[in-house]
Amino acid sequence: MFIAGFDIGTTNLDLYVLDLEKAVIAERRSAPNPKLFMSDPLAYCQDVNLIVQNIQDMLASVKEPLSSICVTGQQHSILYVDGQGRPCSPLYTWLDQCGVESFKGTTPQKLLAEKTGVFLNAGYGFLTHYAMRLLKRIPPEARAWCGINEYVTGMLLGQGFTKTDSSFLASYGGFDPVILRFNKDFAVYANGDTEEKTPFSWPRLALPFSIAGTRPDGIPVAHPVGDNQASFYGLVARPGEECLISIGTSGQLSVFAESAECPPGMELRPFLGLGYILVGAAISSGKSYEVLERFFADIVTRYAKEKGIPLSGDVSFFDTMKAAALEQGSNGLLVDTTFNGTRQDGAKRGSINGISLNNFTMGSLTAATVSGIVRELAAFRSGLEARFGSIKRIITAGSAVKNPLFRRELENQFSAEICPGSGLGAALGSALIGAVSAGLIKQSDVCNIILALRKKT
């Protein structure tokens, strides 16, 4: 049997086809998911139609007969659809900052918190929607909003979205992960138009491991699941002994919990009806490292242009940065990598400290930036001392942890075995969730499949 998992990431779109019998990846596809150019510097949007077209093209190219499909991807993001379910806006991603835009001497984020008592981090779906209302940016033909994952799942089935997993509902904000309900007063105020009295619809709750529908070709499609939950499900074989650290565009430290007790500064997220995930989330992480690389590239490009030195193709300094950092180390330099704020404070910005006459170099700046990225995640351990006593392994995921600089810092800052995941992350998890939802495998089979994939990676 072959099962498919899509991951609609912030940087890339990925498709993995898993051979269940051999526990190997039979096929994989990937396509970039670029940022749309917007005149608003606080906007971070993506092209819904381009995402859909790439998903359709990848699926059409699969050679193996599929037995199930499941979609995962970025959380918090929303898009608007008209009365026929067609997209009428770009995708406003979790990196969009319209919620903290200046509005009549305050911000939509502060106004929503004052009116409802619910504080939402910038990028959360309900805050984005509320800000769009205040700023009068909602398309006039819009009748509903949903996440990109719900929209793509409906597209795969040839029908409109109706339900989604609790992981996505929680990512919109104002949702109680314990009783699995929205705060009623909050949802009414945040969603209903106070001037025109026109409410918008949004997805409702689906049961964990349930099928959204069957495609005309007979392939069952599961309800979509958030990328954090899908990554944890597909990479963590023994939740009581393993912690997941993912460093891609953003960064997350995720720990399984049976109870709903959550330390301050962390998020309590529902986990497929199996318990909860305690999540410490950093907004920038890999994006901060990318910004540093662009800084070095900009210097060289400008110098080459001034001196008339020809450059072939796009200049990349990642390998040079890595070599210099391994040679020099941070050398006392300290970098705060909250370049795009934090979940709690979207206006916060990073800094560089400890600059001396001999440490402001490419190598030291690179090493200190990596150290700052990992340090931001390690700080979440302060509320998890007791739980971390039983953590034996740190499972790593995301593109950044392939870099030895990140692996070295993880080893320095965490007293646990660092174990690379299968390299598949959320796409693998979504494929396994789809297989369980379709009744192709049992929950008890998942651990062995994960361990088999680890050995082969």
Protein backbone atom coordinates (compact mmCIF):
# COMPACT_ATOMS: atom_id res chain seq x y z
CA MET A 1 0.00 0.00 0.00
CA PHE A 2 1.12 3.52 -0.81
CA ILE A 3 0.03 6.50 1.25
CA ALA A 4 0.52 10.21 0.46
CA GLY A 5 1.17 13.16 2.75
CA PHE A 6 1.24 16.81 1.65
CA ASP A 7 2.97 19.53 3.65
CA ILE A 8 2.01 23.10 2.70
CA GLY A 9 4.97 24.82 4.31
CA THR A 10 5.88 28.49 4.45
CA THR A 11 8.92 27.98 2.22
CA ASN A 12 8.14 24.80 0.25
CA LEU A 13 5.31 22.50 -0.74
CA ASP A 14 6.19 18.85 -0.21
CA LEU A 15 4.61 15.54 -1.14
CA TYR A 16 5.84 12.19 0.18
CA VAL A 17 4.54 8.80 -0.86
CA LEU A 18 5.28 6.08 1.69
CA ASP A 19 5.40 2.37 0.88
CA LEU A 20 3.79 0.92 4.00
CA GLU A 21 4.93 -2.65 3.42
CA LYS A 22 8.61 -1.76 2.99
CA ALA A 23 8.58 1.32 5.27
CA VAL A 24 10.42 3.40 2.65
CA ILE A 25 9.67 6.58 0.78
CA ALA A 26 8.67 5.53 -2.72
CA GLU A 27 8.27 9.00 -4.24
CA ARG A 28 8.73 12.62 -3.26
CA ARG A 29 7.93 15.95 -4.85
CA SER A 30 8.69 19.53 -3.86
CA ALA A 31 7.94 23.03 -5.12
CA PRO A 32 8.73 26.50 -3.75
CA ASN A 33 6.02 28.47 -1.97
CA PRO A 34 7.16 32.06 -2.54
CA LYS A 35 6.05 35.17 -0.70
CA LEU A 36 3.78 37.52 -2.65
CA PHE A 37 5.06 41.04 -3.14
CA MET A 38 2.84 43.42 -1.16
CA SER A 39 3.22 47.17 -0.71
CA ASP A 40 2.41 46.79 2.99
CA PRO A 41 5.69 45.98 4.84
CA LEU A 42 3.74 44.17 7.58
CA ALA A 43 2.07 41.80 5.11
CA TYR A 44 3.25 38.25 4.47
CA CYS A 45 1.00 36.65 1.89
CA GLN A 46 1.16 33.77 -0.58
CA ASP A 47 -0.65 32.90 -3.81
CA VAL A 48 -3.54 30.47 -3.17
CA ASN A 49 -3.97 29.57 -6.84
CA LEU A 50 -0.25 28.86 -7.28
CA ILE A 51 -0.32 26.56 -4.24
CA VAL A 52 -3.33 24.69 -5.59
CA GLN A 53 -1.80 24.32 -9.05
CA ASN A 54 1.45 22.94 -7.64
CA ILE A 55 -0.43 20.49 -5.40
CA GLN A 56 -2.46 19.26 -8.38
CA ASP A 57 0.64 18.90 -10.54
CA MET A 58 2.52 16.94 -7.87
CA LEU A 59 -0.40 14.59 -7.28
CA ALA A 60 -0.89 14.01 -11.01
CA SER A 61 2.77 13.00 -11.35
CA VAL A 62 2.61 10.22 -8.72
CA LYS A 63 3.19 6.83 -10.33
CA GLU A 64 2.12 4.55 -7.48
CA PRO A 65 -1.56 3.74 -6.75
CA LEU A 66 -2.51 5.63 -3.60
CA SER A 67 -4.59 4.22 -0.74
CA SER A 68 -4.96 7.43 1.29
CA ILE A 69 -4.12 11.15 1.31
CA CYS A 70 -3.77 13.64 4.13
CA VAL A 71 -2.76 17.32 4.13
CA THR A 72 -0.77 19.20 6.73
CA GLY A 73 0.93 22.57 6.66
CA GLN A 74 1.39 25.97 8.19
CA GLN A 75 -1.05 26.87 10.95
CA HIS A 76 -2.78 30.16 11.89
CA SER A 77 -3.02 31.34 8.26
CA ILE A 78 -6.35 32.21 6.61
CA LEU A 79 -7.80 33.03 3.21
CA TYR A 80 -11.23 34.30 2.14
CA VAL A 81 -13.63 32.52 -0.21
CA ASP A 82 -16.79 33.74 -1.95
CA GLY A 83 -20.27 32.22 -1.93
CA GLN A 84 -19.15 29.50 -4.39
CA GLY A 85 -16.13 28.56 -2.31
CA ARG A 86 -13.64 30.22 -4.66
CA PRO A 87 -10.64 32.05 -3.16
CA CYS A 88 -11.00 35.83 -3.30
CA SER A 89 -7.90 36.82 -1.36
CA PRO A 90 -4.29 35.79 -0.98
CA LEU A 91 -3.26 33.51 1.86
CA TYR A 92 -2.50 35.63 4.92
CA THR A 93 0.18 33.52 6.59
CA TRP A 94 1.17 33.17 10.23
CA LEU A 95 3.97 35.67 9.53
CA ASP A 96 1.50 38.41 8.58
CA GLN A 97 1.66 41.29 11.07
CA CYS A 98 -1.55 43.19 10.26
CA GLY A 99 -2.77 42.44 13.79
CA VAL A 100 -0.16 44.79 15.23
CA GLU A 101 -0.61 47.51 12.61
CA SER A 102 -1.30 51.00 13.93
CA PHE A 103 -5.04 51.75 14.09
CA LYS A 104 -6.51 54.88 15.69
CA GLY A 105 -3.74 55.17 18.23
CA THR A 106 -3.70 51.49 19.14
CA THR A 107 -3.59 48.11 17.33
CA PRO A 108 -6.19 45.50 16.41
CA GLN A 109 -4.38 43.10 18.75
CA LYS A 110 -4.84 45.41 21.74
CA LEU A 111 -8.42 46.28 20.82
CA LEU A 112 -9.42 42.63 20.53
CA ALA A 113 -7.80 41.84 23.88
CA GLU A 114 -9.55 44.78 25.56
CA LYS A 115 -12.97 43.83 24.15
CA THR A 116 -12.80 40.08 24.73
CA GLY A 117 -10.11 39.42 27.32
CA VAL A 118 -8.38 37.10 24.82
CA PHE A 119 -4.86 38.09 23.75
CA LEU A 120 -3.83 36.64 20.40
CA ASN A 121 -0.34 36.58 18.96
CA ALA A 122 0.23 38.30 15.64
CA GLY A 123 -0.57 35.98 12.75
CA TYR A 124 -3.38 34.04 14.46
CA GLY A 125 -6.33 33.60 12.11
CA PHE A 126 -9.01 35.30 14.20
CA LEU A 127 -6.74 38.29 14.87
CA THR A 128 -5.90 38.58 11.17
CA HIS A 129 -9.62 38.45 10.33
CA TYR A 130 -10.44 41.02 13.01
CA ALA A 131 -7.69 43.33 11.73
CA MET A 132 -8.92 42.96 8.16
CA ARG A 133 -12.38 44.05 9.33
CA LEU A 134 -11.08 47.13 11.14
CA LEU A 135 -8.77 48.07 8.26
CA LYS A 136 -11.59 47.41 5.74
CA ARG A 137 -9.52 45.03 3.64
CA ILE A 138 -11.93 42.09 3.41
CA PRO A 139 -12.99 41.53 -0.22
CA PRO A 140 -16.67 42.49 -0.63
CA GLU A 141 -17.49 39.10 -2.17
CA ALA A 142 -16.04 37.16 0.79
CA ARG A 143 -18.50 34.97 2.68
CA ALA A 144 -16.21 32.65 4.65
CA TRP A 145 -12.61 32.11 5.69
CA CYS A 146 -10.52 29.02 6.25
CA GLY A 147 -6.92 27.86 6.35
CA ILE A 148 -4.98 26.82 3.27
CA ASN A 149 -5.01 23.20 4.45
CA GLU A 150 -8.81 23.04 4.65
CA TYR A 151 -9.07 24.71 1.27
CA VAL A 152 -6.64 22.27 -0.39
CA THR A 153 -8.37 19.28 1.23
CA GLY A 154 -11.70 20.47 -0.18
CA MET A 155 -10.05 21.01 -3.58
CA LEU A 156 -8.72 17.43 -3.57
CA LEU A 157 -12.26 16.19 -2.93
CA GLY A 158 -13.94 18.57 -5.35
CA GLN A 159 -16.09 20.08 -2.60
CA GLY A 160 -16.05 23.00 -0.17
CA PHE A 161 -14.41 22.84 3.24
CA THR A 162 -16.63 22.10 6.25
CA LYS A 163 -14.56 20.62 9.08
CA THR A 164 -10.98 20.44 10.29
CA ASP A 165 -8.88 18.99 13.08
CA SER A 166 -8.74 20.72 16.47
CA SER A 167 -5.08 21.59 15.79
CA PHE A 168 -6.15 24.13 13.17
CA LEU A 169 -9.08 25.47 15.17
CA ALA A 170 -6.74 26.07 18.10
CA SER A 171 -4.30 27.88 15.82
CA TYR A 172 -6.94 30.48 14.91
CA GLY A 173 -7.15 31.64 18.53
CA GLY A 174 -9.82 31.75 21.22
CA PHE A 175 -10.17 27.95 21.18
CA ASP A 176 -10.03 25.84 24.34
CA PRO A 177 -7.92 22.73 23.59
CA VAL A 178 -9.36 20.93 26.61
CA ILE A 179 -13.11 21.25 26.00
CA LEU A 180 -12.51 21.67 22.23
CA ARG A 181 -14.70 24.74 21.87
CA PHE A 182 -14.27 28.37 20.92
CA ASN A 183 -14.87 31.04 23.51
CA LYS A 184 -18.40 31.93 22.38
CA ASP A 185 -18.37 35.66 23.17
CA PHE A 186 -14.90 36.02 21.67
CA ALA A 187 -15.83 34.21 18.44
CA VAL A 188 -18.98 36.30 17.97
CA TYR A 189 -17.15 39.58 18.50
CA ALA A 190 -14.02 38.71 16.52
CA ASN A 191 -15.90 37.25 13.57
CA GLY A 192 -19.13 39.28 13.25
CA ASP A 193 -19.02 42.65 11.50
CA THR A 194 -19.99 45.25 14.09
CA GLU A 195 -21.16 47.71 11.43
CA GLU A 196 -22.85 45.55 8.81
CA LYS A 197 -23.81 42.66 11.12
CA THR A 198 -22.51 40.18 8.57
CA PRO A 199 -20.90 37.13 10.18
CA PHE A 200 -18.47 34.91 8.32
CA SER A 201 -18.37 31.14 8.50
CA TRP A 202 -15.24 29.14 9.25
CA PRO A 203 -14.42 25.42 9.60
CA ARG A 204 -15.98 23.37 12.38
CA LEU A 205 -14.51 20.55 14.48
CA ALA A 206 -13.79 17.15 12.96
CA LEU A 207 -13.14 14.01 14.98
CA PRO A 208 -9.47 12.89 15.20
CA PHE A 209 -8.43 10.38 12.55
CA SER A 210 -11.57 10.86 10.48
CA ILE A 211 -12.11 10.87 6.74
CA ALA A 212 -13.22 14.12 5.08
CA GLY A 213 -14.40 12.30 1.97
CA THR A 214 -13.46 10.10 -0.96
CA ARG A 215 -12.14 11.34 -4.27
CA PRO A 216 -13.81 10.29 -7.54
CA ASP A 217 -10.86 7.92 -8.07
CA GLY A 218 -11.74 6.16 -4.81
CA ILE A 219 -8.88 7.50 -2.65
CA PRO A 220 -9.99 8.47 0.88
CA VAL A 221 -8.81 11.89 2.10
CA ALA A 222 -8.46 12.55 5.83
CA HIS A 223 -9.26 15.84 7.52
CA PRO A 224 -6.14 18.06 7.60
CA VAL A 225 -3.93 18.21 10.68
CA GLY A 226 -1.59 21.01 11.86
CA ASP A 227 2.07 20.73 10.90
CA ASN A 228 3.31 20.71 14.49
CA GLN A 229 1.04 17.80 15.39
CA ALA A 230 1.83 15.98 12.15
CA SER A 231 5.59 16.38 12.68
CA PHE A 232 5.34 15.09 16.24
CA TYR A 233 3.19 12.14 15.16
CA GLY A 234 5.53 11.18 12.32
CA LEU A 235 8.87 11.64 14.10
CA VAL A 236 8.43 10.92 17.82
CA ALA A 237 8.22 7.18 18.31
CA ARG A 238 8.15 7.21 22.12
CA PRO A 239 6.48 10.44 23.34
CA GLY A 240 7.34 9.84 27.01
CA GLU A 241 11.08 9.70 26.26
CA GLU A 242 11.50 12.01 23.29
CA CYS A 243 11.16 15.72 22.63
CA LEU A 244 10.85 17.27 19.17
CA ILE A 245 12.82 20.34 18.14
CA SER A 246 12.04 21.67 14.69
CA ILE A 247 14.02 24.51 13.14
CA GLY A 248 12.87 25.68 9.74
CA THR A 249 11.51 29.12 8.94
CA SER A 250 10.32 29.19 12.55
CA GLY A 251 11.44 27.11 15.52
CA GLN A 252 9.49 24.93 17.94
CA LEU A 253 10.20 22.81 20.99
CA SER A 254 7.40 20.27 21.48
CA VAL A 255 6.84 17.93 24.44
CA PHE A 256 3.98 15.45 24.88
CA ALA A 257 1.74 15.79 27.94
CA GLU A 258 -1.20 13.75 29.16
CA SER A 259 -2.49 16.57 31.38
CA ALA A 260 -3.49 20.08 30.37
CA GLU A 261 -1.04 21.84 32.69
CA CYS A 262 0.99 24.32 30.65
CA PRO A 263 3.97 26.46 31.78
CA PRO A 264 3.78 30.24 31.22
CA GLY A 265 5.08 31.32 27.84
CA MET A 266 4.29 27.99 26.20
CA GLU A 267 1.22 26.93 24.23
CA LEU A 268 -1.05 24.01 25.04
CA ARG A 269 -2.05 22.36 21.76
CA PRO A 270 -4.47 19.47 21.21
CA PHE A 271 -2.89 16.31 19.87
CA LEU A 272 -5.24 14.10 17.86
CA GLY A 273 -7.27 13.05 20.90
CA LEU A 274 -4.19 11.33 22.34
CA GLY A 275 -3.27 14.10 24.80
CA TYR A 276 -1.57 17.45 24.37
CA ILE A 277 1.63 18.99 23.07
CA LEU A 278 3.37 21.69 25.08
CA VAL A 279 4.97 24.01 22.54
CA GLY A 280 7.57 26.71 22.88
CA ALA A 281 7.52 28.61 19.60
CA ALA A 282 10.07 31.04 18.15
CA ILE A 283 8.97 33.08 15.15
CA SER A 284 12.21 33.67 13.26
CA SER A 285 14.80 30.88 13.85
CA GLY A 286 15.85 29.69 10.39
CA LYS A 287 14.57 32.93 8.86
CA SER A 288 17.01 34.85 11.09
CA TYR A 289 19.87 32.73 9.74
CA GLU A 290 18.68 33.41 6.20
CA VAL A 291 18.60 37.17 6.90
CA LEU A 292 22.22 37.00 8.05
CA GLU A 293 23.22 35.20 4.86
CA ARG A 294 21.48 37.86 2.76
CA PHE A 295 23.44 40.51 4.68
CA PHE A 296 26.76 38.96 3.67
CA ALA A 297 25.59 38.42 0.10
CA ASP A 298 24.48 42.04 -0.17
CA ILE A 299 27.95 43.29 0.84
CA VAL A 300 29.72 41.16 -1.75
CA THR A 301 27.20 41.90 -4.50
CA ARG A 302 27.49 45.63 -3.97
CA TYR A 303 31.28 45.48 -3.88
CA ALA A 304 31.41 43.37 -7.05
CA LYS A 305 29.10 45.78 -8.85
CA GLU A 306 31.18 48.77 -7.80
CA LYS A 307 34.42 47.13 -8.95
CA GLY A 308 32.95 45.64 -12.10
CA ILE A 309 33.58 42.07 -10.96
CA PRO A 310 31.18 39.65 -12.69
CA LEU A 311 29.19 37.27 -10.48
CA SER A 312 27.67 34.08 -11.87
CA GLY A 313 24.13 33.42 -10.69
CA ASP A 314 22.74 34.10 -7.25
CA VAL A 315 25.45 34.54 -4.62
CA SER A 316 25.11 32.16 -1.66
CA PHE A 317 27.25 32.24 1.47
CA PHE A 318 25.80 29.45 3.58
CA ASP A 319 28.79 27.14 3.10
CA THR A 320 31.26 29.99 3.71
CA MET A 321 29.37 31.04 6.85
CA LYS A 322 29.40 27.49 8.17
CA ALA A 323 33.14 27.03 7.61
CA ALA A 324 33.97 30.38 9.21
CA ALA A 325 31.75 29.70 12.24
CA LEU A 326 33.25 26.26 12.83
CA GLU A 327 36.71 27.86 12.71
CA GLN A 328 36.10 30.95 14.84
CA GLY A 329 33.18 30.25 17.20
CA SER A 330 31.09 33.02 18.74
CA ASN A 331 34.12 34.47 20.61
CA GLY A 332 31.99 36.30 23.19
CA LEU A 333 29.46 37.69 20.71
CA LEU A 334 25.77 37.42 21.73
CA VAL A 335 22.90 37.66 19.26
CA ASP A 336 19.24 37.93 20.22
CA THR A 337 17.50 36.37 17.21
CA THR A 338 13.96 37.70 17.79
CA PHE A 339 14.28 39.52 14.46
CA ASN A 340 10.53 39.35 13.83
CA GLY A 341 9.30 39.55 17.41
CA THR A 342 7.98 36.83 19.67
CA ARG A 343 4.59 35.18 20.09
CA GLN A 344 3.95 37.42 23.07
CA ASP A 345 5.42 40.63 21.62
CA GLY A 346 5.27 41.09 17.88
CA ALA A 347 7.05 44.43 18.10
CA LYS A 348 10.16 43.03 19.81
CA ARG A 349 13.33 43.03 17.73
CA GLY A 350 16.73 41.34 17.94
CA SER A 351 20.09 42.73 18.94
CA ILE A 352 23.85 42.10 18.84
CA ASN A 353 25.83 42.46 22.06
CA GLY A 354 29.38 41.90 23.25
CA ILE A 355 31.02 43.38 20.15
CA SER A 356 34.77 43.81 20.58
CA LEU A 357 37.60 44.84 18.32
CA ASN A 358 38.28 41.26 17.22
CA ASN A 359 34.98 39.34 17.24
CA PHE A 360 32.82 41.21 14.72
CA THR A 361 33.59 38.73 11.96
CA MET A 362 31.60 36.51 9.64
CA GLY A 363 32.44 33.40 11.64
CA SER A 364 31.69 34.80 15.09
CA LEU A 365 28.50 36.54 13.95
CA THR A 366 27.28 33.32 12.30
CA ALA A 367 28.12 31.15 15.33
CA ALA A 368 26.48 33.64 17.71
CA THR A 369 23.34 33.77 15.57
CA VAL A 370 22.99 29.98 15.60
CA SER A 371 23.59 29.99 19.35
CA GLY A 372 20.87 32.63 19.77
CA ILE A 373 18.37 30.62 17.73
CA VAL A 374 18.90 27.52 19.85
CA ARG A 375 19.01 29.54 23.07
CA GLU A 376 15.57 30.97 22.34
CA LEU A 377 14.19 27.42 22.22
CA ALA A 378 16.23 26.18 25.18
CA ALA A 379 14.73 28.95 27.33
CA PHE A 380 11.40 27.12 27.32
CA ARG A 381 12.90 24.39 29.50
CA SER A 382 12.54 26.67 32.53
CA GLY A 383 8.94 25.54 32.96
CA LEU A 384 9.64 21.93 32.08
CA GLU A 385 12.34 20.86 34.53
CA ALA A 386 10.42 17.88 35.89
CA ARG A 387 9.30 16.74 32.46
CA PHE A 388 12.75 17.07 30.93
CA GLY A 389 14.09 14.70 33.57
CA SER A 390 12.53 11.84 31.62
CA ILE A 391 13.55 13.08 28.15
CA LYS A 392 16.31 10.86 26.79
CA ARG A 393 16.39 11.97 23.17
CA ILE A 394 15.89 15.19 21.24
CA ILE A 395 14.42 14.38 17.84
CA THR A 396 15.36 17.04 15.32
CA ALA A 397 13.42 18.18 12.27
CA GLY A 398 13.53 21.01 9.76
CA SER A 399 16.04 22.12 7.16
CA ALA A 400 18.28 24.05 9.57
CA VAL A 401 19.20 21.07 11.75
CA LYS A 402 21.00 19.46 8.83
CA ASN A 403 23.63 22.13 9.44
CA PRO A 404 26.37 20.90 11.85
CA LEU A 405 26.38 24.33 13.53
CA PHE A 406 22.83 23.74 14.77
CA ARG A 407 23.55 20.17 15.82
CA ARG A 408 26.57 21.34 17.82
CA GLU A 409 24.55 24.03 19.59
CA LEU A 410 21.76 21.60 20.40
CA GLU A 411 24.31 19.28 21.98
CA ASN A 412 25.81 22.18 23.95
CA GLN A 413 22.52 23.52 25.28
CA PHE A 414 20.51 20.32 25.81
CA SER A 415 21.69 17.44 28.00
CA ALA A 416 20.12 14.68 25.93
CA GLU A 417 20.97 12.50 22.95
CA ILE A 418 20.45 14.38 19.67
CA CYS A 419 18.71 12.07 17.23
CA PRO A 420 17.95 13.23 13.67
CA GLY A 421 14.41 12.44 12.57
CA SER A 422 13.68 10.63 9.34
CA GLY A 423 14.14 13.90 7.47
CA LEU A 424 10.51 13.89 6.39
CA GLY A 425 8.78 15.70 9.24
CA ALA A 426 5.24 16.90 8.76
CA ALA A 427 4.69 15.24 5.37
CA LEU A 428 5.46 11.82 6.86
CA GLY A 429 3.18 12.46 9.82
CA SER A 430 0.30 13.52 7.60
CA ALA A 431 0.72 10.37 5.47
CA LEU A 432 0.61 8.16 8.59
CA ILE A 433 -2.41 10.04 9.96
CA GLY A 434 -4.19 9.51 6.66
CA ALA A 435 -3.39 5.78 6.76
CA VAL A 436 -4.73 5.40 10.32
CA SER A 437 -7.82 7.46 9.41
CA ALA A 438 -8.51 5.20 6.43
CA GLY A 439 -8.07 2.03 8.53
CA LEU A 440 -5.00 0.90 6.60
CA ILE A 441 -2.84 0.61 9.74
CA LYS A 442 -3.40 0.69 13.49
CA GLN A 443 -2.05 3.21 15.99
CA SER A 444 0.18 0.49 17.40
CA ASP A 445 1.89 0.09 14.00
CA VAL A 446 3.08 3.69 13.80
CA CYS A 447 5.98 3.42 16.28
CA ASN A 448 7.60 0.55 14.37
CA ILE A 449 7.25 2.37 11.05
CA ILE A 450 8.93 5.48 12.49
CA LEU A 451 11.80 3.46 13.95
CA ALA A 452 12.27 1.61 10.65
CA LEU A 453 12.44 4.87 8.74
CA ARG A 454 14.99 6.29 11.18
CA LYS A 455 17.32 3.34 10.54
CA LYS A 456 17.04 3.79 6.77
CA THR A 457 17.64 7.54 6.79
